[in-house]
Amino acid sequence: MPERPEIVCICGSARFVDEMRAANRDLTFAGVIVVAPGVFRPAEDDEADELITDEQKAALGALHLRKIDLADRVLVVNPGGYIGESTSREIAYARATGKPVSFTDPD
């Protein structure tokens, strides 16, 4: 039986949805199992926040931490070096649980 493929959890700001989708595609073509955010709010749609309740935001955040638990490593999509508050929490969680963390823009 072949060894199981690597599992990578993608983290990053919702403003980088296109970049996260590209990273997901590239990793998938490389034979990696990808877990990533499943719900995105369009950055230009300020009213979209009203469609996601605070309870749903909290549940999505907790769910993403479980995705990190499943992963072998974390890839942070951070064009221009940007890392927001939620992503910072996810990075701290990943490191606290011993997951390697890499960045698309390490500067």
PDB file of N, CA and C in Angstrom:
ATOM      1  N   MET A   1       0.849  -1.178   0.000  1.00  0.00           N
ATOM      2  CA  MET A   1       0.000   0.000   0.000  1.00  0.00           C
ATOM      3  C   MET A   1       0.897   1.245   0.000  1.00  0.00           C
ATOM      4  N   PRO A   2       0.608   2.235  -0.858  1.00  0.00           N
ATOM      5  CA  PRO A   2       1.446   3.436  -0.909  1.00  0.00           C
ATOM      6  C   PRO A   2       1.314   4.264   0.366  1.00  0.00           C
ATOM      7  N   GLU A   3       2.376   5.018   0.662  1.00  0.00           N
ATOM      8  CA  GLU A   3       2.349   5.932   1.800  1.00  0.00           C
ATOM      9  C   GLU A   3       1.283   6.991   1.568  1.00  0.00           C
ATOM     10  N   ARG A   4       0.665   7.439   2.640  1.00  0.00           N
ATOM     11  CA  ARG A   4      -0.382   8.450   2.493  1.00  0.00           C
ATOM     12  C   ARG A   4       0.221   9.768   2.051  1.00  0.00           C
ATOM     13  N   PRO A   5      -0.495  10.502   1.216  1.00  0.00           N
ATOM     14  CA  PRO A   5       0.005  11.814   0.775  1.00  0.00           C
ATOM     15  C   PRO A   5       0.102  12.780   1.954  1.00  0.00           C
ATOM     16  N   GLU A   6       0.973  13.748   1.804  1.00  0.00           N
ATOM     17  CA  GLU A   6       1.082  14.813   2.797  1.00  0.00           C
ATOM     18  C   GLU A   6      -0.221  15.590   2.851  1.00  0.00           C
ATOM     19  N   ILE A   7      -0.574  16.068   4.051  1.00  0.00           N
ATOM     20  CA  ILE A   7      -1.761  16.908   4.243  1.00  0.00           C
ATOM     21  C   ILE A   7      -1.285  18.299   4.637  1.00  0.00           C
ATOM     22  N   VAL A   8      -1.729  19.309   3.891  1.00  0.00           N
ATOM     23  CA  VAL A   8      -1.346  20.699   4.152  1.00  0.00           C
ATOM     24  C   VAL A   8      -2.603  21.514   4.414  1.00  0.00           C
ATOM     25  N   CYS A   9      -2.560  22.298   5.475  1.00  0.00           N
ATOM     26  CA  CYS A   9      -3.657  23.227   5.778  1.00  0.00           C
ATOM     27  C   CYS A   9      -3.237  24.616   5.323  1.00  0.00           C
ATOM     28  N   ILE A  10      -4.063  25.219   4.487  1.00  0.00           N
ATOM     29  CA  ILE A  10      -3.819  26.581   4.017  1.00  0.00           C
ATOM     30  C   ILE A  10      -4.496  27.556   4.977  1.00  0.00           C
ATOM     31  N   CYS A  11      -3.739  28.567   5.389  1.00  0.00           N
ATOM     32  CA  CYS A  11      -4.261  29.643   6.221  1.00  0.00           C
ATOM     33  C   CYS A  11      -3.977  30.962   5.526  1.00  0.00           C
ATOM     34  N   GLY A  12      -4.776  31.974   5.833  1.00  0.00           N
ATOM     35  CA  GLY A  12      -4.540  33.299   5.276  1.00  0.00           C
ATOM     36  C   GLY A  12      -5.787  34.141   5.331  1.00  0.00           C
ATOM     37  N   SER A  13      -5.611  35.399   5.037  1.00  0.00           N
ATOM     38  CA  SER A  13      -6.713  36.343   5.037  1.00  0.00           C
ATOM     39  C   SER A  13      -7.682  36.056   3.891  1.00  0.00           C
ATOM     40  N   ALA A  14      -8.970  36.272   4.150  1.00  0.00           N
ATOM     41  CA  ALA A  14      -9.986  36.089   3.111  1.00  0.00           C
ATOM     42  C   ALA A  14      -9.784  37.043   1.937  1.00  0.00           C
ATOM     43  N   ARG A  15      -8.999  38.092   2.147  1.00  0.00           N
ATOM     44  CA  ARG A  15      -8.724  39.014   1.033  1.00  0.00           C
ATOM     45  C   ARG A  15      -7.852  38.354  -0.033  1.00  0.00           C
ATOM     46  N   PHE A  16      -7.247  37.204   0.316  1.00  0.00           N
ATOM     47  CA  PHE A  16      -6.359  36.503  -0.609  1.00  0.00           C
ATOM     48  C   PHE A  16      -6.988  35.217  -1.146  1.00  0.00           C
ATOM     49  N   VAL A  17      -8.289  35.240  -1.340  1.00  0.00           N
ATOM     50  CA  VAL A  17      -8.999  34.036  -1.779  1.00  0.00           C
ATOM     51  C   VAL A  17      -8.436  33.513  -3.096  1.00  0.00           C
ATOM     52  N   ASP A  18      -8.123  34.380  -4.034  1.00  0.00           N
ATOM     53  CA  ASP A  18      -7.588  33.922  -5.320  1.00  0.00           C
ATOM     54  C   ASP A  18      -6.226  33.246  -5.141  1.00  0.00           C
ATOM     55  N   GLU A  19      -5.393  33.825  -4.297  1.00  0.00           N
ATOM     56  CA  GLU A  19      -4.075  33.253  -4.040  1.00  0.00           C
ATOM     57  C   GLU A  19      -4.187  31.912  -3.305  1.00  0.00           C
ATOM     58  N   MET A  20      -5.158  31.821  -2.371  1.00  0.00           N
ATOM     59  CA  MET A  20      -5.355  30.553  -1.662  1.00  0.00           C
ATOM     60  C   MET A  20      -5.857  29.467  -2.618  1.00  0.00           C
ATOM     61  N   ARG A  21      -6.743  29.843  -3.515  1.00  0.00           N
ATOM     62  CA  ARG A  21      -7.225  28.871  -4.504  1.00  0.00           C
ATOM     63  C   ARG A  21      -6.085  28.404  -5.406  1.00  0.00           C
ATOM     64  N   ALA A  22      -5.196  29.318  -5.789  1.00  0.00           N
ATOM     65  CA  ALA A  22      -4.053  28.941  -6.624  1.00  0.00           C
ATOM     66  C   ALA A  22      -3.116  28.006  -5.865  1.00  0.00           C
ATOM     67  N   ALA A  23      -2.849  28.306  -4.588  1.00  0.00           N
ATOM     68  CA  ALA A  23      -2.003  27.430  -3.773  1.00  0.00           C
ATOM     69  C   ALA A  23      -2.647  26.059  -3.626  1.00  0.00           C
ATOM     70  N   ASN A  24      -3.962  26.031  -3.420  1.00  0.00           N
ATOM     71  CA  ASN A  24      -4.696  24.768  -3.304  1.00  0.00           C
ATOM     72  C   ASN A  24      -4.538  23.955  -4.586  1.00  0.00           C
ATOM     73  N   ARG A  25      -4.717  24.604  -5.708  1.00  0.00           N
ATOM     74  CA  ARG A  25      -4.588  23.935  -7.004  1.00  0.00           C
ATOM     75  C   ARG A  25      -3.175  23.372  -7.192  1.00  0.00           C
ATOM     76  N   ASP A  26      -2.174  24.204  -6.937  1.00  0.00           N
ATOM     77  CA  ASP A  26      -0.785  23.778  -7.133  1.00  0.00           C
ATOM     78  C   ASP A  26      -0.428  22.603  -6.228  1.00  0.00           C
ATOM     79  N   LEU A  27      -0.827  22.687  -4.965  1.00  0.00           N
ATOM     80  CA  LEU A  27      -0.546  21.594  -4.030  1.00  0.00           C
ATOM     81  C   LEU A  27      -1.277  20.319  -4.439  1.00  0.00           C
ATOM     82  N   THR A  28      -2.517  20.460  -4.846  1.00  0.00           N
ATOM     83  CA  THR A  28      -3.306  19.294  -5.252  1.00  0.00           C
ATOM     84  C   THR A  28      -2.662  18.604  -6.454  1.00  0.00           C
ATOM     85  N   PHE A  29      -2.233  19.380  -7.452  1.00  0.00           N
ATOM     86  CA  PHE A  29      -1.551  18.792  -8.616  1.00  0.00           C
ATOM     87  C   PHE A  29      -0.231  18.137  -8.225  1.00  0.00           C
ATOM     88  N   ALA A  30       0.354  18.581  -7.108  1.00  0.00           N
ATOM     89  CA  ALA A  30       1.599  17.988  -6.617  1.00  0.00           C
ATOM     90  C   ALA A  30       1.344  16.732  -5.776  1.00  0.00           C
ATOM     91  N   GLY A  31       0.064  16.341  -5.664  1.00  0.00           N
ATOM     92  CA  GLY A  31      -0.267  15.120  -4.932  1.00  0.00           C
ATOM     93  C   GLY A  31      -0.496  15.298  -3.452  1.00  0.00           C
ATOM     94  N   VAL A  32      -0.724  16.534  -3.033  1.00  0.00           N
ATOM     95  CA  VAL A  32      -0.944  16.855  -1.622  1.00  0.00           C
ATOM     96  C   VAL A  32      -2.442  16.906  -1.344  1.00  0.00           C
ATOM     97  N   ILE A  33      -2.835  16.424  -0.159  1.00  0.00           N
ATOM     98  CA  ILE A  33      -4.208  16.604   0.312  1.00  0.00           C
ATOM     99  C   ILE A  33      -4.265  17.978   0.962  1.00  0.00           C
ATOM    100  N   VAL A  34      -5.191  18.814   0.518  1.00  0.00           N
ATOM    101  CA  VAL A  34      -5.272  20.190   1.000  1.00  0.00           C
ATOM    102  C   VAL A  34      -6.547  20.376   1.816  1.00  0.00           C
ATOM    103  N   VAL A  35      -6.388  20.981   2.991  1.00  0.00           N
ATOM    104  CA  VAL A  35      -7.532  21.456   3.768  1.00  0.00           C
ATOM    105  C   VAL A  35      -7.383  22.965   3.856  1.00  0.00           C
ATOM    106  N   ALA A  36      -8.480  23.669   3.668  1.00  0.00           N
ATOM    107  CA  ALA A  36      -8.426  25.123   3.571  1.00  0.00           C
ATOM    108  C   ALA A  36      -9.745  25.712   4.041  1.00  0.00           C
ATOM    109  N   PRO A  37      -9.778  27.037   4.219  1.00  0.00           N
ATOM    110  CA  PRO A  37     -11.057  27.670   4.566  1.00  0.00           C
ATOM    111  C   PRO A  37     -12.118  27.316   3.534  1.00  0.00           C
ATOM    112  N   GLY A  38     -13.315  27.087   4.006  1.00  0.00           N
ATOM    113  CA  GLY A  38     -14.396  26.697   3.111  1.00  0.00           C
ATOM    114  C   GLY A  38     -15.396  27.803   2.838  1.00  0.00           C
ATOM    115  N   VAL A  39     -15.337  28.889   3.602  1.00  0.00           N
ATOM    116  CA  VAL A  39     -16.271  29.997   3.449  1.00  0.00           C
ATOM    117  C   VAL A  39     -15.464  31.274   3.333  1.00  0.00           C
ATOM    118  N   PHE A  40     -15.727  32.027   2.264  1.00  0.00           N
ATOM    119  CA  PHE A  40     -15.039  33.300   2.061  1.00  0.00           C
ATOM    120  C   PHE A  40     -16.054  34.410   1.920  1.00  0.00           C
ATOM    121  N   ARG A  41     -15.726  35.551   2.474  1.00  0.00           N
ATOM    122  CA  ARG A  41     -16.530  36.751   2.300  1.00  0.00           C
ATOM    123  C   ARG A  41     -15.807  37.630   1.293  1.00  0.00           C
ATOM    124  N   PRO A  42     -16.472  38.008   0.218  1.00  0.00           N
ATOM    125  CA  PRO A  42     -15.814  38.899  -0.735  1.00  0.00           C
ATOM    126  C   PRO A  42     -15.364  40.179  -0.043  1.00  0.00           C
ATOM    127  N   ALA A  43     -14.105  40.539  -0.195  1.00  0.00           N
ATOM    128  CA  ALA A  43     -13.527  41.691   0.497  1.00  0.00           C
ATOM    129  C   ALA A  43     -14.253  42.988   0.169  1.00  0.00           C
ATOM    130  N   GLU A  44     -14.788  43.090  -1.043  1.00  0.00           N
ATOM    131  CA  GLU A  44     -15.441  44.341  -1.442  1.00  0.00           C
ATOM    132  C   GLU A  44     -16.901  44.406  -1.005  1.00  0.00           C
ATOM    133  N   ASP A  45     -17.416  43.348  -0.380  1.00  0.00           N
ATOM    134  CA  ASP A  45     -18.828  43.292  -0.007  1.00  0.00           C
ATOM    135  C   ASP A  45     -18.966  43.480   1.497  1.00  0.00           C
ATOM    136  N   ASP A  46     -19.042  44.743   1.939  1.00  0.00           N
ATOM    137  CA  ASP A  46     -19.112  45.039   3.368  1.00  0.00           C
ATOM    138  C   ASP A  46     -20.378  44.485   4.014  1.00  0.00           C
ATOM    139  N   GLU A  47     -21.450  44.340   3.258  1.00  0.00           N
ATOM    140  CA  GLU A  47     -22.691  43.826   3.825  1.00  0.00           C
ATOM    141  C   GLU A  47     -22.668  42.319   4.013  1.00  0.00           C
ATOM    142  N   ALA A  48     -21.709  41.633   3.434  1.00  0.00           N
ATOM    143  CA  ALA A  48     -21.643  40.177   3.558  1.00  0.00           C
ATOM    144  C   ALA A  48     -21.402  39.756   5.002  1.00  0.00           C
ATOM    145  N   ASP A  49     -20.764  40.621   5.806  1.00  0.00           N
ATOM    146  CA  ASP A  49     -20.560  40.301   7.215  1.00  0.00           C
ATOM    147  C   ASP A  49     -21.885  40.003   7.907  1.00  0.00           C
ATOM    148  N   GLU A  50     -22.940  40.671   7.473  1.00  0.00           N
ATOM    149  CA  GLU A  50     -24.243  40.471   8.086  1.00  0.00           C
ATOM    150  C   GLU A  50     -24.795  39.077   7.793  1.00  0.00           C
ATOM    151  N   LEU A  51     -24.291  38.421   6.765  1.00  0.00           N
ATOM    152  CA  LEU A  51     -24.770  37.099   6.411  1.00  0.00           C
ATOM    153  C   LEU A  51     -24.135  36.015   7.268  1.00  0.00           C
ATOM    154  N   ILE A  52     -23.038  36.338   7.941  1.00  0.00           N
ATOM    155  CA  ILE A  52     -22.356  35.394   8.814  1.00  0.00           C
ATOM    156  C   ILE A  52     -22.452  35.926  10.232  1.00  0.00           C
ATOM    157  N   THR A  53     -23.103  35.167  11.094  1.00  0.00           N
ATOM    158  CA  THR A  53     -23.276  35.612  12.477  1.00  0.00           C
ATOM    159  C   THR A  53     -21.973  35.456  13.259  1.00  0.00           C
ATOM    160  N   ASP A  54     -21.912  36.102  14.405  1.00  0.00           N
ATOM    161  CA  ASP A  54     -20.737  35.966  15.268  1.00  0.00           C
ATOM    162  C   ASP A  54     -20.547  34.513  15.693  1.00  0.00           C
ATOM    163  N   GLU A  55     -21.640  33.819  15.937  1.00  0.00           N
ATOM    164  CA  GLU A  55     -21.562  32.407  16.316  1.00  0.00           C
ATOM    165  C   GLU A  55     -20.983  31.570  15.180  1.00  0.00           C
ATOM    166  N   GLN A  56     -21.403  31.874  13.952  1.00  0.00           N
ATOM    167  CA  GLN A  56     -20.872  31.154  12.799  1.00  0.00           C
ATOM    168  C   GLN A  56     -19.388  31.454  12.606  1.00  0.00           C
ATOM    169  N   LYS A  57     -18.989  32.710  12.800  1.00  0.00           N
ATOM    170  CA  LYS A  57     -17.570  33.064  12.689  1.00  0.00           C
ATOM    171  C   LYS A  57     -16.748  32.281  13.709  1.00  0.00           C
ATOM    172  N   ALA A  58     -17.250  32.205  14.938  1.00  0.00           N
ATOM    173  CA  ALA A  58     -16.534  31.462  15.983  1.00  0.00           C
ATOM    174  C   ALA A  58     -16.450  29.982  15.627  1.00  0.00           C
ATOM    175  N   ALA A  59     -17.547  29.427  15.116  1.00  0.00           N
ATOM    176  CA  ALA A  59     -17.564  28.009  14.739  1.00  0.00           C
ATOM    177  C   ALA A  59     -16.602  27.748  13.578  1.00  0.00           C
ATOM    178  N   LEU A  60     -16.559  28.653  12.611  1.00  0.00           N
ATOM    179  CA  LEU A  60     -15.631  28.495  11.484  1.00  0.00           C
ATOM    180  C   LEU A  60     -14.186  28.578  11.951  1.00  0.00           C
ATOM    181  N   GLY A  61     -13.907  29.472  12.896  1.00  0.00           N
ATOM    182  CA  GLY A  61     -12.558  29.583  13.442  1.00  0.00           C
ATOM    183  C   GLY A  61     -12.134  28.310  14.160  1.00  0.00           C
ATOM    184  N   ALA A  62     -13.049  27.755  14.967  1.00  0.00           N
ATOM    185  CA  ALA A  62     -12.757  26.500  15.680  1.00  0.00           C
ATOM    186  C   ALA A  62     -12.576  25.351  14.696  1.00  0.00           C
ATOM    187  N   LEU A  63     -13.388  25.321  13.659  1.00  0.00           N
ATOM    188  CA  LEU A  63     -13.277  24.273  12.642  1.00  0.00           C
ATOM    189  C   LEU A  63     -11.924  24.348  11.933  1.00  0.00           C
ATOM    190  N   HIS A  64     -11.462  25.565  11.681  1.00  0.00           N
ATOM    191  CA  HIS A  64     -10.173  25.701  11.000  1.00  0.00           C
ATOM    192  C   HIS A  64      -9.032  25.183  11.878  1.00  0.00           C
ATOM    193  N   LEU A  65      -9.139  25.363  13.182  1.00  0.00           N
ATOM    194  CA  LEU A  65      -8.124  24.807  14.080  1.00  0.00           C
ATOM    195  C   LEU A  65      -8.121  23.281  14.007  1.00  0.00           C
ATOM    196  N   ARG A  66      -9.287  22.667  13.861  1.00  0.00           N
ATOM    197  CA  ARG A  66      -9.347  21.203  13.703  1.00  0.00           C
ATOM    198  C   ARG A  66      -8.694  20.787  12.388  1.00  0.00           C
ATOM    199  N   LYS A  67      -8.824  21.628  11.353  1.00  0.00           N
ATOM    200  CA  LYS A  67      -8.146  21.342  10.085  1.00  0.00           C
ATOM    201  C   LYS A  67      -6.636  21.371  10.278  1.00  0.00           C
ATOM    202  N   ILE A  68      -6.164  22.308  11.071  1.00  0.00           N
ATOM    203  CA  ILE A  68      -4.728  22.354  11.383  1.00  0.00           C
ATOM    204  C   ILE A  68      -4.321  21.078  12.105  1.00  0.00           C
ATOM    205  N   ASP A  69      -5.161  20.600  13.013  1.00  0.00           N
ATOM    206  CA  ASP A  69      -4.877  19.343  13.720  1.00  0.00           C
ATOM    207  C   ASP A  69      -4.685  18.180  12.751  1.00  0.00           C
ATOM    208  N   LEU A  70      -5.461  18.155  11.674  1.00  0.00           N
ATOM    209  CA  LEU A  70      -5.391  17.072  10.696  1.00  0.00           C
ATOM    210  C   LEU A  70      -4.145  17.147   9.816  1.00  0.00           C
ATOM    211  N   ALA A  71      -3.597  18.347   9.686  1.00  0.00           N
ATOM    212  CA  ALA A  71      -2.525  18.585   8.716  1.00  0.00           C
ATOM    213  C   ALA A  71      -1.165  18.139   9.232  1.00  0.00           C
ATOM    214  N   ASP A  72      -0.278  17.848   8.265  1.00  0.00           N
ATOM    215  CA  ASP A  72       1.125  17.590   8.569  1.00  0.00           C
ATOM    216  C   ASP A  72       1.891  18.898   8.704  1.00  0.00           C
ATOM    217  N   ARG A  73       1.437  19.902   7.961  1.00  0.00           N
ATOM    218  CA  ARG A  73       2.066  21.221   8.023  1.00  0.00           C
ATOM    219  C   ARG A  73       1.066  22.277   7.585  1.00  0.00           C
ATOM    220  N   VAL A  74       1.433  23.535   7.830  1.00  0.00           N
ATOM    221  CA  VAL A  74       0.577  24.681   7.502  1.00  0.00           C
ATOM    222  C   VAL A  74       1.299  25.556   6.487  1.00  0.00           C
ATOM    223  N   LEU A  75       0.560  26.001   5.474  1.00  0.00           N
ATOM    224  CA  LEU A  75       1.058  26.974   4.509  1.00  0.00           C
ATOM    225  C   LEU A  75       0.247  28.250   4.680  1.00  0.00           C
ATOM    226  N   VAL A  76       0.926  29.341   5.018  1.00  0.00           N
ATOM    227  CA  VAL A  76       0.268  30.632   5.175  1.00  0.00           C
ATOM    228  C   VAL A  76       0.405  31.398   3.863  1.00  0.00           C
ATOM    229  N   VAL A  77      -0.729  31.734   3.284  1.00  0.00           N
ATOM    230  CA  VAL A  77      -0.763  32.533   2.061  1.00  0.00           C
ATOM    231  C   VAL A  77      -0.791  33.997   2.514  1.00  0.00           C
ATOM    232  N   ASN A  78       0.311  34.704   2.269  1.00  0.00           N
ATOM    233  CA  ASN A  78       0.446  36.070   2.796  1.00  0.00           C
ATOM    234  C   ASN A  78       1.138  37.012   1.806  1.00  0.00           C
ATOM    235  N   PRO A  79       0.519  37.279   0.663  1.00  0.00           N
ATOM    236  CA  PRO A  79       1.119  38.207  -0.291  1.00  0.00           C
ATOM    237  C   PRO A  79       1.487  39.531   0.374  1.00  0.00           C
ATOM    238  N   GLY A  80       2.676  40.019   0.058  1.00  0.00           N
ATOM    239  CA  GLY A  80       3.141  41.269   0.640  1.00  0.00           C
ATOM    240  C   GLY A  80       3.499  41.154   2.106  1.00  0.00           C
ATOM    241  N   GLY A  81       3.479  39.937   2.640  1.00  0.00           N
ATOM    242  CA  GLY A  81       3.802  39.724   4.043  1.00  0.00           C
ATOM    243  C   GLY A  81       2.642  39.940   5.001  1.00  0.00           C
ATOM    244  N   TYR A  82       1.445  40.225   4.461  1.00  0.00           N
ATOM    245  CA  TYR A  82       0.302  40.531   5.336  1.00  0.00           C
ATOM    246  C   TYR A  82      -0.165  39.293   6.106  1.00  0.00           C
ATOM    247  N   ILE A  83      -0.310  39.472   7.420  1.00  0.00           N
ATOM    248  CA  ILE A  83      -0.874  38.442   8.289  1.00  0.00           C
ATOM    249  C   ILE A  83      -1.831  39.141   9.242  1.00  0.00           C
ATOM    250  N   GLY A  84      -3.112  38.790   9.157  1.00  0.00           N
ATOM    251  CA  GLY A  84      -4.119  39.400  10.016  1.00  0.00           C
ATOM    252  C   GLY A  84      -4.224  38.712  11.367  1.00  0.00           C
ATOM    253  N   GLU A  85      -5.152  39.205  12.162  1.00  0.00           N
ATOM    254  CA  GLU A  85      -5.340  38.714  13.526  1.00  0.00           C
ATOM    255  C   GLU A  85      -5.712  37.237  13.576  1.00  0.00           C
ATOM    256  N   SER A  86      -6.675  36.821  12.778  1.00  0.00           N
ATOM    257  CA  SER A  86      -7.095  35.416  12.786  1.00  0.00           C
ATOM    258  C   SER A  86      -5.972  34.501  12.321  1.00  0.00           C
ATOM    259  N   THR A  87      -5.281  34.908  11.282  1.00  0.00           N
ATOM    260  CA  THR A  87      -4.170  34.098  10.771  1.00  0.00           C
ATOM    261  C   THR A  87      -3.050  34.022  11.799  1.00  0.00           C
ATOM    262  N   SER A  88      -2.796  35.112  12.508  1.00  0.00           N
ATOM    263  CA  SER A  88      -1.783  35.092  13.572  1.00  0.00           C
ATOM    264  C   SER A  88      -2.139  34.067  14.639  1.00  0.00           C
ATOM    265  N   ARG A  89      -3.419  34.007  15.005  1.00  0.00           N
ATOM    266  CA  ARG A  89      -3.873  33.004  15.990  1.00  0.00           C
ATOM    267  C   ARG A  89      -3.667  31.595  15.460  1.00  0.00           C
ATOM    268  N   GLU A  90      -3.967  31.389  14.183  1.00  0.00           N
ATOM    269  CA  GLU A  90      -3.797  30.067  13.581  1.00  0.00           C
ATOM    270  C   GLU A  90      -2.326  29.660  13.540  1.00  0.00           C
ATOM    271  N   ILE A  91      -1.451  30.602  13.230  1.00  0.00           N
ATOM    272  CA  ILE A  91      -0.011  30.319  13.215  1.00  0.00           C
ATOM    273  C   ILE A  91       0.454  29.934  14.616  1.00  0.00           C
ATOM    274  N   ALA A  92       0.032  30.698  15.621  1.00  0.00           N
ATOM    275  CA  ALA A  92       0.418  30.401  17.008  1.00  0.00           C
ATOM    276  C   ALA A  92      -0.092  29.027  17.421  1.00  0.00           C
ATOM    277  N   TYR A  93      -1.322  28.699  17.027  1.00  0.00           N
ATOM    278  CA  TYR A  93      -1.888  27.390  17.354  1.00  0.00           C
ATOM    279  C   TYR A  93      -1.086  26.277  16.683  1.00  0.00           C
ATOM    280  N   ALA A  94      -0.788  26.454  15.403  1.00  0.00           N
ATOM    281  CA  ALA A  94      -0.034  25.434  14.666  1.00  0.00           C
ATOM    282  C   ALA A  94       1.327  25.212  15.310  1.00  0.00           C
ATOM    283  N   ARG A  95       2.002  26.274  15.638  1.00  0.00           N
ATOM    284  CA  ARG A  95       3.328  26.143  16.257  1.00  0.00           C
ATOM    285  C   ARG A  95       3.231  25.490  17.632  1.00  0.00           C
ATOM    286  N   ALA A  96       2.201  25.853  18.398  1.00  0.00           N
ATOM    287  CA  ALA A  96       2.025  25.272  19.740  1.00  0.00           C
ATOM    288  C   ALA A  96       1.759  23.774  19.671  1.00  0.00           C
ATOM    289  N   THR A  97       1.182  23.328  18.565  1.00  0.00           N
ATOM    290  CA  THR A  97       0.904  21.888  18.405  1.00  0.00           C
ATOM    291  C   THR A  97       2.002  21.179  17.625  1.00  0.00           C
ATOM    292  N   GLY A  98       3.096  21.890  17.337  1.00  0.00           N
ATOM    293  CA  GLY A  98       4.249  21.271  16.697  1.00  0.00           C
ATOM    294  C   GLY A  98       4.176  21.138  15.190  1.00  0.00           C
ATOM    295  N   LYS A  99       3.252  21.855  14.563  1.00  0.00           N
ATOM    296  CA  LYS A  99       3.138  21.801  13.100  1.00  0.00           C
ATOM    297  C   LYS A  99       4.138  22.742  12.452  1.00  0.00           C
ATOM    298  N   PRO A 100       4.862  22.294  11.451  1.00  0.00           N
ATOM    299  CA  PRO A 100       5.719  23.226  10.699  1.00  0.00           C
ATOM    300  C   PRO A 100       4.847  24.246   9.961  1.00  0.00           C
ATOM    301  N   VAL A 101       5.309  25.478   9.937  1.00  0.00           N
ATOM    302  CA  VAL A 101       4.584  26.577   9.287  1.00  0.00           C
ATOM    303  C   VAL A 101       5.507  27.207   8.250  1.00  0.00           C
ATOM    304  N   SER A 102       5.009  27.339   7.023  1.00  0.00           N
ATOM    305  CA  SER A 102       5.751  28.035   5.977  1.00  0.00           C
ATOM    306  C   SER A 102       4.854  29.132   5.400  1.00  0.00           C
ATOM    307  N   PHE A 103       5.468  30.038   4.661  1.00  0.00           N
ATOM    308  CA  PHE A 103       4.778  31.215   4.158  1.00  0.00           C
ATOM    309  C   PHE A 103       5.030  31.368   2.663  1.00  0.00           C
ATOM    310  N   THR A 104       4.002  31.837   1.927  1.00  0.00           N
ATOM    311  CA  THR A 104       4.202  32.087   0.503  1.00  0.00           C
ATOM    312  C   THR A 104       5.082  33.315   0.295  1.00  0.00           C
ATOM    313  N   ASP A 105       5.057  34.255   1.257  1.00  0.00           N
ATOM    314  CA  ASP A 105       5.893  35.449   1.201  1.00  0.00           C
ATOM    315  C   ASP A 105       6.607  35.569   2.544  1.00  0.00           C
ATOM    316  N   PRO A 106       7.795  34.965   2.653  1.00  0.00           N
ATOM    317  CA  PRO A 106       8.463  34.899   3.954  1.00  0.00           C
ATOM    318  C   PRO A 106       8.971  36.221   4.500  1.00  0.00           C
ATOM    319  N   ASP A 107       8.958  37.287   3.713  1.00  0.00           N
ATOM    320  CA  ASP A 107       9.492  38.583   4.205  1.00  0.00           C
ATOM    321  C   ASP A 107       8.502  39.286   5.088  1.00  0.00           C
TER     322      ASP A 107
END
